[in-house]
Every structure is written in C-alpha cells, then in structure tokens.
Amino acid sequence: HASKINITIGTGKIVFKGYIKGIQIVIRRLFIINSLTSTFRDEP
C-alpha cells in the first residue's frame, strides 16, 4: 500500500516520463547503467 512509487531506469537527461497504473516511470538517456525504485507511504 505505498502511496507513491517511482521507477527510474538509467542516468542522465530524461527521455521519457509517464505514469502506468499510478506508478511513475522515468527512462533516462543512459538507460543501460542504473535502475531504481523509490517507494513512499505516510506510515513507515
């Protein structure tokens, strides 16, 4: 029950940013280097 979920693939300049099923997905220029999911919720 996370209230906010962000997925980031790559580093550098953003080439795509959008939402799918309430999840923000960001694709960056160097998309083969890094990936990260950040999750947030009011209650830890």
PDB file of all heavy atoms in Angstrom:
ATOM      1  N   HIS A   1       0.806  -1.228   0.000  1.00  0.00           N
ATOM      2  CA  HIS A   1       0.000   0.000   0.000  1.00  0.00           C
ATOM      3  C   HIS A   1       0.839   1.279   0.000  1.00  0.00           C
ATOM      4  O   HIS A   1       0.520   2.237   0.720  1.00  0.00           O
ATOM      5  CB  HIS A   1      -0.989   0.003   1.172  1.00  0.00           C
ATOM      6  CG  HIS A   1      -1.820  -1.235   1.234  1.00  0.00           C
ATOM      7  ND1 HIS A   1      -2.806  -1.519   0.313  1.00  0.00           N
ATOM      8  CD2 HIS A   1      -1.791  -2.294   2.085  1.00  0.00           C
ATOM      9  CE1 HIS A   1      -3.355  -2.680   0.599  1.00  0.00           C
ATOM     10  NE2 HIS A   1      -2.761  -3.185   1.658  1.00  0.00           N
ATOM     11  N   ALA A   2       1.883   1.300  -0.819  1.00  0.00           N
ATOM     12  CA  ALA A   2       2.677   2.517  -0.977  1.00  0.00           C
ATOM     13  C   ALA A   2       1.808   3.584  -1.629  1.00  0.00           C
ATOM     14  O   ALA A   2       0.989   3.287  -2.503  1.00  0.00           O
ATOM     15  CB  ALA A   2       3.906   2.249  -1.836  1.00  0.00           C
ATOM     16  N   SER A   3       1.979   4.829  -1.199  1.00  0.00           N
ATOM     17  CA  SER A   3       1.174   5.908  -1.771  1.00  0.00           C
ATOM     18  C   SER A   3       1.827   6.488  -3.024  1.00  0.00           C
ATOM     19  O   SER A   3       1.144   7.079  -3.860  1.00  0.00           O
ATOM     20  CB  SER A   3       0.960   7.011  -0.729  1.00  0.00           C
ATOM     21  OG  SER A   3       2.200   7.471  -0.236  1.00  0.00           O
ATOM     22  N   LYS A   4       3.129   6.300  -3.156  1.00  0.00           N
ATOM     23  CA  LYS A   4       3.844   6.832  -4.320  1.00  0.00           C
ATOM     24  C   LYS A   4       4.966   5.865  -4.690  1.00  0.00           C
ATOM     25  O   LYS A   4       5.724   5.435  -3.828  1.00  0.00           O
ATOM     26  CB  LYS A   4       4.411   8.211  -3.998  1.00  0.00           C
ATOM     27  CG  LYS A   4       5.056   8.908  -5.170  1.00  0.00           C
ATOM     28  CD  LYS A   4       5.498  10.312  -4.775  1.00  0.00           C
ATOM     29  CE  LYS A   4       6.168  10.991  -5.945  1.00  0.00           C
ATOM     30  NZ  LYS A   4       6.723  12.293  -5.570  1.00  0.00           N
ATOM     31  N   ILE A   5       5.044   5.519  -5.979  1.00  0.00           N
ATOM     32  CA  ILE A   5       6.081   4.614  -6.468  1.00  0.00           C
ATOM     33  C   ILE A   5       6.704   5.236  -7.709  1.00  0.00           C
ATOM     34  O   ILE A   5       5.982   5.612  -8.645  1.00  0.00           O
ATOM     35  CB  ILE A   5       5.504   3.225  -6.820  1.00  0.00           C
ATOM     36  CG1 ILE A   5       4.800   2.612  -5.605  1.00  0.00           C
ATOM     37  CG2 ILE A   5       6.603   2.310  -7.350  1.00  0.00           C
ATOM     38  CD1 ILE A   5       3.973   1.386  -5.930  1.00  0.00           C
ATOM     39  N   ASN A   6       8.024   5.340  -7.705  1.00  0.00           N
ATOM     40  CA  ASN A   6       8.763   5.871  -8.851  1.00  0.00           C
ATOM     41  C   ASN A   6       9.772   4.827  -9.311  1.00  0.00           C
ATOM     42  O   ASN A   6      10.549   4.320  -8.499  1.00  0.00           O
ATOM     43  CB  ASN A   6       9.524   7.142  -8.491  1.00  0.00           C
ATOM     44  CG  ASN A   6       8.624   8.265  -8.034  1.00  0.00           C
ATOM     45  OD1 ASN A   6       7.461   8.340  -8.409  1.00  0.00           O
ATOM     46  ND2 ASN A   6       9.153   9.142  -7.209  1.00  0.00           N
ATOM     47  N   ILE A   7       9.771   4.537 -10.602  1.00  0.00           N
ATOM     48  CA  ILE A   7      10.777   3.659 -11.204  1.00  0.00           C
ATOM     49  C   ILE A   7      11.616   4.524 -12.130  1.00  0.00           C
ATOM     50  O   ILE A   7      11.072   5.225 -12.988  1.00  0.00           O
ATOM     51  CB  ILE A   7      10.134   2.514 -12.009  1.00  0.00           C
ATOM     52  CG1 ILE A   7       9.353   1.577 -11.096  1.00  0.00           C
ATOM     53  CG2 ILE A   7      11.195   1.746 -12.791  1.00  0.00           C
ATOM     54  CD1 ILE A   7       8.590   0.481 -11.831  1.00  0.00           C
ATOM     55  N   THR A   8      12.934   4.462 -11.946  1.00  0.00           N
ATOM     56  CA  THR A   8      13.850   5.181 -12.818  1.00  0.00           C
ATOM     57  C   THR A   8      14.809   4.183 -13.440  1.00  0.00           C
ATOM     58  O   THR A   8      15.418   3.384 -12.736  1.00  0.00           O
ATOM     59  CB  THR A   8      14.653   6.250 -12.040  1.00  0.00           C
ATOM     60  OG1 THR A   8      13.725   7.145 -11.419  1.00  0.00           O
ATOM     61  CG2 THR A   8      15.578   7.027 -12.949  1.00  0.00           C
ATOM     62  N   ILE A   9      14.920   4.238 -14.769  1.00  0.00           N
ATOM     63  CA  ILE A   9      15.863   3.398 -15.499  1.00  0.00           C
ATOM     64  C   ILE A   9      16.870   4.326 -16.154  1.00  0.00           C
ATOM     65  O   ILE A   9      16.498   5.213 -16.933  1.00  0.00           O
ATOM     66  CB  ILE A   9      15.155   2.542 -16.575  1.00  0.00           C
ATOM     67  CG1 ILE A   9      14.031   1.701 -15.967  1.00  0.00           C
ATOM     68  CG2 ILE A   9      16.158   1.682 -17.338  1.00  0.00           C
ATOM     69  CD1 ILE A   9      14.480   0.651 -14.981  1.00  0.00           C
ATOM     70  N   GLY A  10      18.154   4.157 -15.817  1.00  0.00           N
ATOM     71  CA  GLY A  10      19.219   4.928 -16.441  1.00  0.00           C
ATOM     72  C   GLY A  10      19.615   6.161 -15.670  1.00  0.00           C
ATOM     73  O   GLY A  10      19.088   6.463 -14.599  1.00  0.00           O
ATOM     74  N   THR A  11      20.564   6.874 -16.244  1.00  0.00           N
ATOM     75  CA  THR A  11      21.036   8.137 -15.686  1.00  0.00           C
ATOM     76  C   THR A  11      21.099   9.155 -16.820  1.00  0.00           C
ATOM     77  O   THR A  11      21.046   8.815 -17.986  1.00  0.00           O
ATOM     78  CB  THR A  11      22.442   7.990 -15.049  1.00  0.00           C
ATOM     79  OG1 THR A  11      23.361   7.588 -16.060  1.00  0.00           O
ATOM     80  CG2 THR A  11      22.465   7.000 -13.925  1.00  0.00           C
ATOM     81  N   GLY A  12      21.246  10.420 -16.438  1.00  0.00           N
ATOM     82  CA  GLY A  12      21.336  11.474 -17.444  1.00  0.00           C
ATOM     83  C   GLY A  12      19.986  12.110 -17.722  1.00  0.00           C
ATOM     84  O   GLY A  12      19.043  12.006 -16.935  1.00  0.00           O
ATOM     85  N   LYS A  13      19.914  12.753 -18.876  1.00  0.00           N
ATOM     86  CA  LYS A  13      18.724  13.502 -19.292  1.00  0.00           C
ATOM     87  C   LYS A  13      17.512  12.574 -19.442  1.00  0.00           C
ATOM     88  O   LYS A  13      17.619  11.465 -19.963  1.00  0.00           O
ATOM     89  CB  LYS A  13      19.006  14.200 -20.614  1.00  0.00           C
ATOM     90  CG  LYS A  13      17.892  15.078 -21.089  1.00  0.00           C
ATOM     91  CD  LYS A  13      18.254  15.756 -22.401  1.00  0.00           C
ATOM     92  CE  LYS A  13      17.074  16.572 -22.896  1.00  0.00           C
ATOM     93  NZ  LYS A  13      17.345  17.184 -24.188  1.00  0.00           N
ATOM     94  N   ILE A  14      16.353  13.053 -19.014  1.00  0.00           N
ATOM     95  CA  ILE A  14      15.107  12.289 -19.121  1.00  0.00           C
ATOM     96  C   ILE A  14      14.658  12.251 -20.582  1.00  0.00           C
ATOM     97  O   ILE A  14      14.576  13.281 -21.243  1.00  0.00           O
ATOM     98  CB  ILE A  14      14.008  12.910 -18.241  1.00  0.00           C
ATOM     99  CG1 ILE A  14      14.373  12.797 -16.758  1.00  0.00           C
ATOM    100  CG2 ILE A  14      12.657  12.249 -18.510  1.00  0.00           C
ATOM    101  CD1 ILE A  14      13.437  13.524 -15.817  1.00  0.00           C
ATOM    102  N   VAL A  15      14.378  11.022 -21.072  1.00  0.00           N
ATOM    103  CA  VAL A  15      13.855  10.868 -22.434  1.00  0.00           C
ATOM    104  C   VAL A  15      12.387  10.445 -22.423  1.00  0.00           C
ATOM    105  O   VAL A  15      11.682  10.595 -23.417  1.00  0.00           O
ATOM    106  CB  VAL A  15      14.692   9.882 -23.283  1.00  0.00           C
ATOM    107  CG1 VAL A  15      16.090  10.428 -23.512  1.00  0.00           C
ATOM    108  CG2 VAL A  15      14.756   8.505 -22.659  1.00  0.00           C
ATOM    109  N   PHE A  16      11.908   9.891 -21.314  1.00  0.00           N
ATOM    110  CA  PHE A  16      10.500   9.529 -21.170  1.00  0.00           C
ATOM    111  C   PHE A  16      10.113   9.646 -19.709  1.00  0.00           C
ATOM    112  O   PHE A  16      10.864   9.247 -18.817  1.00  0.00           O
ATOM    113  CB  PHE A  16      10.242   8.087 -21.635  1.00  0.00           C
ATOM    114  CG  PHE A  16       8.863   7.593 -21.299  1.00  0.00           C
ATOM    115  CD1 PHE A  16       7.786   7.919 -22.105  1.00  0.00           C
ATOM    116  CD2 PHE A  16       8.637   6.821 -20.165  1.00  0.00           C
ATOM    117  CE1 PHE A  16       6.501   7.482 -21.790  1.00  0.00           C
ATOM    118  CE2 PHE A  16       7.350   6.379 -19.842  1.00  0.00           C
ATOM    119  CZ  PHE A  16       6.290   6.715 -20.656  1.00  0.00           C
ATOM    120  N   LYS A  17       8.939  10.199 -19.480  1.00  0.00           N
ATOM    121  CA  LYS A  17       8.406  10.283 -18.122  1.00  0.00           C
ATOM    122  C   LYS A  17       6.898  10.134 -18.235  1.00  0.00           C
ATOM    123  O   LYS A  17       6.243  10.873 -18.966  1.00  0.00           O
ATOM    124  CB  LYS A  17       8.757  11.633 -17.496  1.00  0.00           C
ATOM    125  CG  LYS A  17       8.360  11.789 -16.052  1.00  0.00           C
ATOM    126  CD  LYS A  17       8.859  13.127 -15.537  1.00  0.00           C
ATOM    127  CE  LYS A  17       8.575  13.293 -14.069  1.00  0.00           C
ATOM    128  NZ  LYS A  17       9.115  14.572 -13.556  1.00  0.00           N
ATOM    129  N   GLY A  18       6.365   9.138 -17.562  1.00  0.00           N
ATOM    130  CA  GLY A  18       4.932   8.916 -17.621  1.00  0.00           C
ATOM    131  C   GLY A  18       4.466   8.066 -16.457  1.00  0.00           C
ATOM    132  O   GLY A  18       5.259   7.632 -15.616  1.00  0.00           O
ATOM    133  N   TYR A  19       3.160   7.835 -16.427  1.00  0.00           N
ATOM    134  CA  TYR A  19       2.552   7.048 -15.365  1.00  0.00           C
ATOM    135  C   TYR A  19       1.845   5.843 -15.961  1.00  0.00           C
ATOM    136  O   TYR A  19       1.168   5.951 -16.980  1.00  0.00           O
ATOM    137  CB  TYR A  19       1.534   7.876 -14.575  1.00  0.00           C
ATOM    138  CG  TYR A  19       2.175   8.898 -13.678  1.00  0.00           C
ATOM    139  CD1 TYR A  19       2.516  10.155 -14.165  1.00  0.00           C
ATOM    140  CD2 TYR A  19       2.443   8.604 -12.353  1.00  0.00           C
ATOM    141  CE1 TYR A  19       3.110  11.104 -13.341  1.00  0.00           C
ATOM    142  CE2 TYR A  19       3.039   9.539 -11.523  1.00  0.00           C
ATOM    143  CZ  TYR A  19       3.370  10.785 -12.024  1.00  0.00           C
ATOM    144  OH  TYR A  19       3.972  11.703 -11.211  1.00  0.00           O
ATOM    145  N   ILE A  20       2.034   4.696 -15.325  1.00  0.00           N
ATOM    146  CA  ILE A  20       1.321   3.483 -15.688  1.00  0.00           C
ATOM    147  C   ILE A  20       0.758   2.904 -14.393  1.00  0.00           C
ATOM    148  O   ILE A  20       1.524   2.571 -13.477  1.00  0.00           O
ATOM    149  CB  ILE A  20       2.244   2.467 -16.392  1.00  0.00           C
ATOM    150  CG1 ILE A  20       2.793   3.060 -17.682  1.00  0.00           C
ATOM    151  CG2 ILE A  20       1.504   1.164 -16.647  1.00  0.00           C
ATOM    152  CD1 ILE A  20       3.848   2.218 -18.367  1.00  0.00           C
ATOM    153  N   LYS A  21      -0.557   2.814 -14.312  1.00  0.00           N
ATOM    154  CA  LYS A  21      -1.233   2.288 -13.115  1.00  0.00           C
ATOM    155  C   LYS A  21      -0.786   2.999 -11.838  1.00  0.00           C
ATOM    156  O   LYS A  21      -0.551   2.373 -10.803  1.00  0.00           O
ATOM    157  CB  LYS A  21      -0.995   0.780 -12.975  1.00  0.00           C
ATOM    158  CG  LYS A  21      -1.511  -0.042 -14.116  1.00  0.00           C
ATOM    159  CD  LYS A  21      -2.998  -0.200 -14.010  1.00  0.00           C
ATOM    160  CE  LYS A  21      -3.502  -1.137 -15.091  1.00  0.00           C
ATOM    161  NZ  LYS A  21      -4.918  -1.281 -15.072  1.00  0.00           N
ATOM    162  N   GLY A  22      -0.611   4.327 -11.918  1.00  0.00           N
ATOM    163  CA  GLY A  22      -0.217   5.111 -10.756  1.00  0.00           C
ATOM    164  C   GLY A  22       1.254   5.047 -10.403  1.00  0.00           C
ATOM    165  O   GLY A  22       1.681   5.615  -9.409  1.00  0.00           O
ATOM    166  N   ILE A  23       2.052   4.372 -11.212  1.00  0.00           N
ATOM    167  CA  ILE A  23       3.492   4.264 -10.971  1.00  0.00           C
ATOM    168  C   ILE A  23       4.210   5.175 -11.952  1.00  0.00           C
ATOM    169  O   ILE A  23       4.020   5.065 -13.167  1.00  0.00           O
ATOM    170  CB  ILE A  23       3.973   2.814 -11.152  1.00  0.00           C
ATOM    171  CG1 ILE A  23       3.278   1.888 -10.154  1.00  0.00           C
ATOM    172  CG2 ILE A  23       5.494   2.725 -11.016  1.00  0.00           C
ATOM    173  CD1 ILE A  23       3.516   0.415 -10.399  1.00  0.00           C
ATOM    174  N   GLN A  24       5.015   6.095 -11.429  1.00  0.00           N
ATOM    175  CA  GLN A  24       5.776   6.971 -12.305  1.00  0.00           C
ATOM    176  C   GLN A  24       6.974   6.198 -12.858  1.00  0.00           C
ATOM    177  O   GLN A  24       7.729   5.585 -12.100  1.00  0.00           O
ATOM    178  CB  GLN A  24       6.276   8.203 -11.559  1.00  0.00           C
ATOM    179  CG  GLN A  24       7.037   9.154 -12.468  1.00  0.00           C
ATOM    180  CD  GLN A  24       7.604  10.339 -11.734  1.00  0.00           C
ATOM    181  OE1 GLN A  24       8.239  10.184 -10.698  1.00  0.00           O
ATOM    182  NE2 GLN A  24       7.365  11.526 -12.271  1.00  0.00           N
ATOM    183  N   ILE A  25       7.128   6.239 -14.173  1.00  0.00           N
ATOM    184  CA  ILE A  25       8.263   5.588 -14.829  1.00  0.00           C
ATOM    185  C   ILE A  25       9.064   6.654 -15.556  1.00  0.00           C
ATOM    186  O   ILE A  25       8.512   7.428 -16.349  1.00  0.00           O
ATOM    187  CB  ILE A  25       7.795   4.489 -15.798  1.00  0.00           C
ATOM    188  CG1 ILE A  25       7.047   3.405 -15.019  1.00  0.00           C
ATOM    189  CG2 ILE A  25       8.989   3.901 -16.556  1.00  0.00           C
ATOM    190  CD1 ILE A  25       6.498   2.282 -15.842  1.00  0.00           C
ATOM    191  N   VAL A  26      10.356   6.692 -15.251  1.00  0.00           N
ATOM    192  CA  VAL A  26      11.268   7.646 -15.871  1.00  0.00           C
ATOM    193  C   VAL A  26      12.368   6.851 -16.566  1.00  0.00           C
ATOM    194  O   VAL A  26      13.025   6.018 -15.943  1.00  0.00           O
ATOM    195  CB  VAL A  26      11.888   8.596 -14.818  1.00  0.00           C
ATOM    196  CG1 VAL A  26      12.892   9.534 -15.453  1.00  0.00           C
ATOM    197  CG2 VAL A  26      10.808   9.370 -14.087  1.00  0.00           C
ATOM    198  N   ILE A  27      12.529   7.104 -17.855  1.00  0.00           N
ATOM    199  CA  ILE A  27      13.620   6.499 -18.625  1.00  0.00           C
ATOM    200  C   ILE A  27      14.600   7.624 -18.953  1.00  0.00           C
ATOM    201  O   ILE A  27      14.203   8.648 -19.514  1.00  0.00           O
ATOM    202  CB  ILE A  27      13.110   5.837 -19.932  1.00  0.00           C
ATOM    203  CG1 ILE A  27      11.938   4.890 -19.662  1.00  0.00           C
ATOM    204  CG2 ILE A  27      14.257   5.153 -20.663  1.00  0.00           C
ATOM    205  CD1 ILE A  27      12.268   3.647 -18.892  1.00  0.00           C
ATOM    206  N   ARG A  28      15.853   7.402 -18.619  1.00  0.00           N
ATOM    207  CA  ARG A  28      16.888   8.413 -18.867  1.00  0.00           C
ATOM    208  C   ARG A  28      17.789   7.977 -20.012  1.00  0.00           C
ATOM    209  O   ARG A  28      17.788   6.816 -20.417  1.00  0.00           O
ATOM    210  CB  ARG A  28      17.682   8.659 -17.591  1.00  0.00           C
ATOM    211  CG  ARG A  28      16.798   9.242 -16.495  1.00  0.00           C
ATOM    212  CD  ARG A  28      17.583   9.520 -15.226  1.00  0.00           C
ATOM    213  NE  ARG A  28      16.765  10.183 -14.242  1.00  0.00           N
ATOM    214  CZ  ARG A  28      16.649  11.500 -14.127  1.00  0.00           C
ATOM    215  NH1 ARG A  28      17.307  12.297 -14.937  1.00  0.00           N
ATOM    216  NH2 ARG A  28      15.878  12.017 -13.189  1.00  0.00           N
ATOM    217  N   ARG A  29      18.545   8.915 -20.522  1.00  0.00           N
ATOM    218  CA  ARG A  29      19.344   8.710 -21.731  1.00  0.00           C
ATOM    219  C   ARG A  29      20.270   7.496 -21.637  1.00  0.00           C
ATOM    220  O   ARG A  29      20.322   6.677 -22.543  1.00  0.00           O
ATOM    221  CB  ARG A  29      20.161   9.964 -22.047  1.00  0.00           C
ATOM    222  CG  ARG A  29      20.957   9.821 -23.338  1.00  0.00           C
ATOM    223  CD  ARG A  29      21.640  11.084 -23.736  1.00  0.00           C
ATOM    224  NE  ARG A  29      20.621  11.996 -24.254  1.00  0.00           N
ATOM    225  CZ  ARG A  29      20.789  13.295 -24.341  1.00  0.00           C
ATOM    226  NH1 ARG A  29      21.910  13.853 -23.932  1.00  0.00           N
ATOM    227  NH2 ARG A  29      19.844  14.064 -24.831  1.00  0.00           N
ATOM    228  N   LEU A  30      21.018   7.359 -20.570  1.00  0.00           N
ATOM    229  CA  LEU A  30      21.927   6.221 -20.419  1.00  0.00           C
ATOM    230  C   LEU A  30      21.180   5.106 -19.691  1.00  0.00           C
ATOM    231  O   LEU A  30      21.431   4.816 -18.525  1.00  0.00           O
ATOM    232  CB  LEU A  30      23.191   6.637 -19.664  1.00  0.00           C
ATOM    233  CG  LEU A  30      24.040   7.700 -20.365  1.00  0.00           C
ATOM    234  CD1 LEU A  30      25.148   8.186 -19.451  1.00  0.00           C
ATOM    235  CD2 LEU A  30      24.602   7.173 -21.661  1.00  0.00           C
ATOM    236  N   PHE A  31      20.254   4.470 -20.405  1.00  0.00           N
ATOM    237  CA  PHE A  31      19.315   3.529 -19.799  1.00  0.00           C
ATOM    238  C   PHE A  31      19.904   2.160 -19.506  1.00  0.00           C
ATOM    239  O   PHE A  31      19.201   1.310 -18.991  1.00  0.00           O
ATOM    240  CB  PHE A  31      18.061   3.385 -20.678  1.00  0.00           C
ATOM    241  CG  PHE A  31      18.343   2.972 -22.088  1.00  0.00           C
ATOM    242  CD1 PHE A  31      18.480   1.651 -22.420  1.00  0.00           C
ATOM    243  CD2 PHE A  31      18.470   3.932 -23.075  1.00  0.00           C
ATOM    244  CE1 PHE A  31      18.743   1.267 -23.728  1.00  0.00           C
ATOM    245  CE2 PHE A  31      18.729   3.565 -24.379  1.00  0.00           C
ATOM    246  CZ  PHE A  31      18.867   2.239 -24.707  1.00  0.00           C
ATOM    247  N   ILE A  32      21.163   1.935 -19.808  1.00  0.00           N
ATOM    248  CA  ILE A  32      21.757   0.619 -19.548  1.00  0.00           C
ATOM    249  C   ILE A  32      22.607   0.599 -18.285  1.00  0.00           C
ATOM    250  O   ILE A  32      23.184  -0.417 -17.949  1.00  0.00           O
ATOM    251  CB  ILE A  32      22.595   0.146 -20.758  1.00  0.00           C
ATOM    252  CG1 ILE A  32      23.679   1.159 -21.078  1.00  0.00           C
ATOM    253  CG2 ILE A  32      21.717  -0.116 -21.948  1.00  0.00           C
ATOM    254  CD1 ILE A  32      24.626   0.753 -22.168  1.00  0.00           C
ATOM    255  N   ILE A  33      22.666   1.720 -17.572  1.00  0.00           N
ATOM    256  CA  ILE A  33      23.607   1.830 -16.460  1.00  0.00           C
ATOM    257  C   ILE A  33      22.982   1.621 -15.086  1.00  0.00           C
ATOM    258  O   ILE A  33      23.548   0.975 -14.240  1.00  0.00           O
ATOM    259  CB  ILE A  33      24.324   3.200 -16.508  1.00  0.00           C
ATOM    260  CG1 ILE A  33      25.201   3.260 -17.750  1.00  0.00           C
ATOM    261  CG2 ILE A  33      25.148   3.435 -15.263  1.00  0.00           C
ATOM    262  CD1 ILE A  33      25.902   4.562 -17.943  1.00  0.00           C
ATOM    263  N   ASN A  34      21.806   2.139 -14.846  1.00  0.00           N
ATOM    264  CA  ASN A  34      21.301   2.197 -13.486  1.00  0.00           C
ATOM    265  C   ASN A  34      19.787   1.973 -13.475  1.00  0.00           C
ATOM    266  O   ASN A  34      19.116   2.291 -14.441  1.00  0.00           O
ATOM    267  CB  ASN A  34      21.620   3.580 -12.896  1.00  0.00           C
ATOM    268  CG  ASN A  34      21.348   3.671 -11.420  1.00  0.00           C
ATOM    269  OD1 ASN A  34      21.408   2.688 -10.701  1.00  0.00           O
ATOM    270  ND2 ASN A  34      21.044   4.864 -10.952  1.00  0.00           N
ATOM    271  N   SER A  35      19.275   1.453 -12.373  1.00  0.00           N
ATOM    272  CA  SER A  35      17.828   1.370 -12.194  1.00  0.00           C
ATOM    273  C   SER A  35      17.520   1.491 -10.703  1.00  0.00           C
ATOM    274  O   SER A  35      18.317   1.103  -9.858  1.00  0.00           O
ATOM    275  CB  SER A  35      17.274   0.060 -12.757  1.00  0.00           C
ATOM    276  OG  SER A  35      17.774  -1.043 -12.048  1.00  0.00           O
ATOM    277  N   LEU A  36      16.346   2.048 -10.418  1.00  0.00           N
ATOM    278  CA  LEU A  36      15.991   2.334  -9.032  1.00  0.00           C
ATOM    279  C   LEU A  36      14.480   2.431  -8.897  1.00  0.00           C
ATOM    280  O   LEU A  36      13.815   3.005  -9.762  1.00  0.00           O
ATOM    281  CB  LEU A  36      16.631   3.667  -8.606  1.00  0.00           C
ATOM    282  CG  LEU A  36      16.231   4.242  -7.257  1.00  0.00           C
ATOM    283  CD1 LEU A  36      16.848   3.416  -6.134  1.00  0.00           C
ATOM    284  CD2 LEU A  36      16.690   5.680  -7.158  1.00  0.00           C
ATOM    285  N   THR A  37      13.958   1.883  -7.823  1.00  0.00           N
ATOM    286  CA  THR A  37      12.557   2.075  -7.473  1.00  0.00           C
ATOM    287  C   THR A  37      12.499   2.766  -6.121  1.00  0.00           C
ATOM    288  O   THR A  37      13.128   2.316  -5.164  1.00  0.00           O
ATOM    289  CB  THR A  37      11.805   0.730  -7.392  1.00  0.00           C
ATOM    290  OG1 THR A  37      11.854   0.104  -8.668  1.00  0.00           O
ATOM    291  CG2 THR A  37      10.350   0.920  -6.990  1.00  0.00           C
ATOM    292  N   SER A  38      11.767   3.866  -6.075  1.00  0.00           N
ATOM    293  CA  SER A  38      11.565   4.603  -4.829  1.00  0.00           C
ATOM    294  C   SER A  38      10.108   4.438  -4.421  1.00  0.00           C
ATOM    295  O   SER A  38       9.211   4.571  -5.254  1.00  0.00           O
ATOM    296  CB  SER A  38      11.861   6.088  -5.029  1.00  0.00           C
ATOM    297  OG  SER A  38      13.161   6.277  -5.511  1.00  0.00           O
ATOM    298  N   THR A  39       9.889   4.143  -3.152  1.00  0.00           N
ATOM    299  CA  THR A  39       8.531   3.953  -2.653  1.00  0.00           C
ATOM    300  C   THR A  39       8.307   4.850  -1.441  1.00  0.00           C
ATOM    301  O   THR A  39       9.223   5.071  -0.641  1.00  0.00           O
ATOM    302  CB  THR A  39       8.283   2.486  -2.259  1.00  0.00           C
ATOM    303  OG1 THR A  39       9.215   2.112  -1.249  1.00  0.00           O
ATOM    304  CG2 THR A  39       8.430   1.572  -3.452  1.00  0.00           C
ATOM    305  N   PHE A  40       7.088   5.367  -1.330  1.00  0.00           N
ATOM    306  CA  PHE A  40       6.753   6.278  -0.244  1.00  0.00           C
ATOM    307  C   PHE A  40       5.396   5.912   0.323  1.00  0.00           C
ATOM    308  O   PHE A  40       4.517   5.440  -0.384  1.00  0.00           O
ATOM    309  CB  PHE A  40       6.716   7.725  -0.754  1.00  0.00           C
ATOM    310  CG  PHE A  40       7.981   8.143  -1.447  1.00  0.00           C
ATOM    311  CD1 PHE A  40       8.076   8.057  -2.823  1.00  0.00           C
ATOM    312  CD2 PHE A  40       9.073   8.592  -0.723  1.00  0.00           C
ATOM    313  CE1 PHE A  40       9.234   8.428  -3.474  1.00  0.00           C
ATOM    314  CE2 PHE A  40      10.241   8.955  -1.366  1.00  0.00           C
ATOM    315  CZ  PHE A  40      10.326   8.877  -2.743  1.00  0.00           C
ATOM    316  N   ARG A  41       5.268   6.187   1.622  1.00  0.00           N
ATOM    317  CA  ARG A  41       3.998   5.979   2.315  1.00  0.00           C
ATOM    318  C   ARG A  41       4.035   6.837   3.569  1.00  0.00           C
ATOM    319  O   ARG A  41       5.088   6.991   4.192  1.00  0.00           O
ATOM    320  CB  ARG A  41       3.855   4.494   2.655  1.00  0.00           C
ATOM    321  CG  ARG A  41       2.529   4.117   3.249  1.00  0.00           C
ATOM    322  CD  ARG A  41       2.366   2.634   3.371  1.00  0.00           C
ATOM    323  NE  ARG A  41       3.112   2.126   4.523  1.00  0.00           N
ATOM    324  CZ  ARG A  41       3.079   0.862   4.914  1.00  0.00           C
ATOM    325  NH1 ARG A  41       2.399  -0.028   4.252  1.00  0.00           N
ATOM    326  NH2 ARG A  41       3.767   0.482   5.969  1.00  0.00           N
ATOM    327  N   ASP A  42       2.899   7.412   3.932  1.00  0.00           N
ATOM    328  CA  ASP A  42       2.852   8.255   5.136  1.00  0.00           C
ATOM    329  C   ASP A  42       3.291   7.484   6.373  1.00  0.00           C
ATOM    330  O   ASP A  42       4.112   7.951   7.152  1.00  0.00           O
ATOM    331  CB  ASP A  42       1.449   8.828   5.341  1.00  0.00           C
ATOM    332  CG  ASP A  42       1.084   9.863   4.282  1.00  0.00           C
ATOM    333  OD1 ASP A  42       2.000  10.473   3.699  1.00  0.00           O
ATOM    334  OD2 ASP A  42      -0.126  10.044   4.037  1.00  0.00           O
ATOM    335  N   GLU A  43       2.745   6.291   6.538  1.00  0.00           N
ATOM    336  CA  GLU A  43       3.138   5.426   7.646  1.00  0.00           C
ATOM    337  C   GLU A  43       4.386   4.652   7.209  1.00  0.00           C
ATOM    338  O   GLU A  43       4.386   4.040   6.135  1.00  0.00           O
ATOM    339  CB  GLU A  43       2.003   4.451   7.961  1.00  0.00           C
ATOM    340  CG  GLU A  43       2.312   3.479   9.066  1.00  0.00           C
ATOM    341  CD  GLU A  43       1.174   2.472   9.239  1.00  0.00           C
ATOM    342  OE1 GLU A  43       0.015   2.833   9.018  1.00  0.00           O
ATOM    343  OE2 GLU A  43       1.492   1.316   9.581  1.00  0.00           O
ATOM    344  N   PRO A  44       5.458   4.659   7.991  1.00  0.00           N
ATOM    345  CA  PRO A  44       6.676   3.941   7.574  1.00  0.00           C
ATOM    346  C   PRO A  44       6.414   2.452   7.347  1.00  0.00           C
ATOM    347  O   PRO A  44       5.582   1.840   8.012  1.00  0.00           O
ATOM    348  CB  PRO A  44       7.633   4.131   8.756  1.00  0.00           C
ATOM    349  CG  PRO A  44       7.108   5.323   9.491  1.00  0.00           C
ATOM    350  CD  PRO A  44       5.616   5.324   9.281  1.00  0.00           C
TER     351      PRO A  44
END
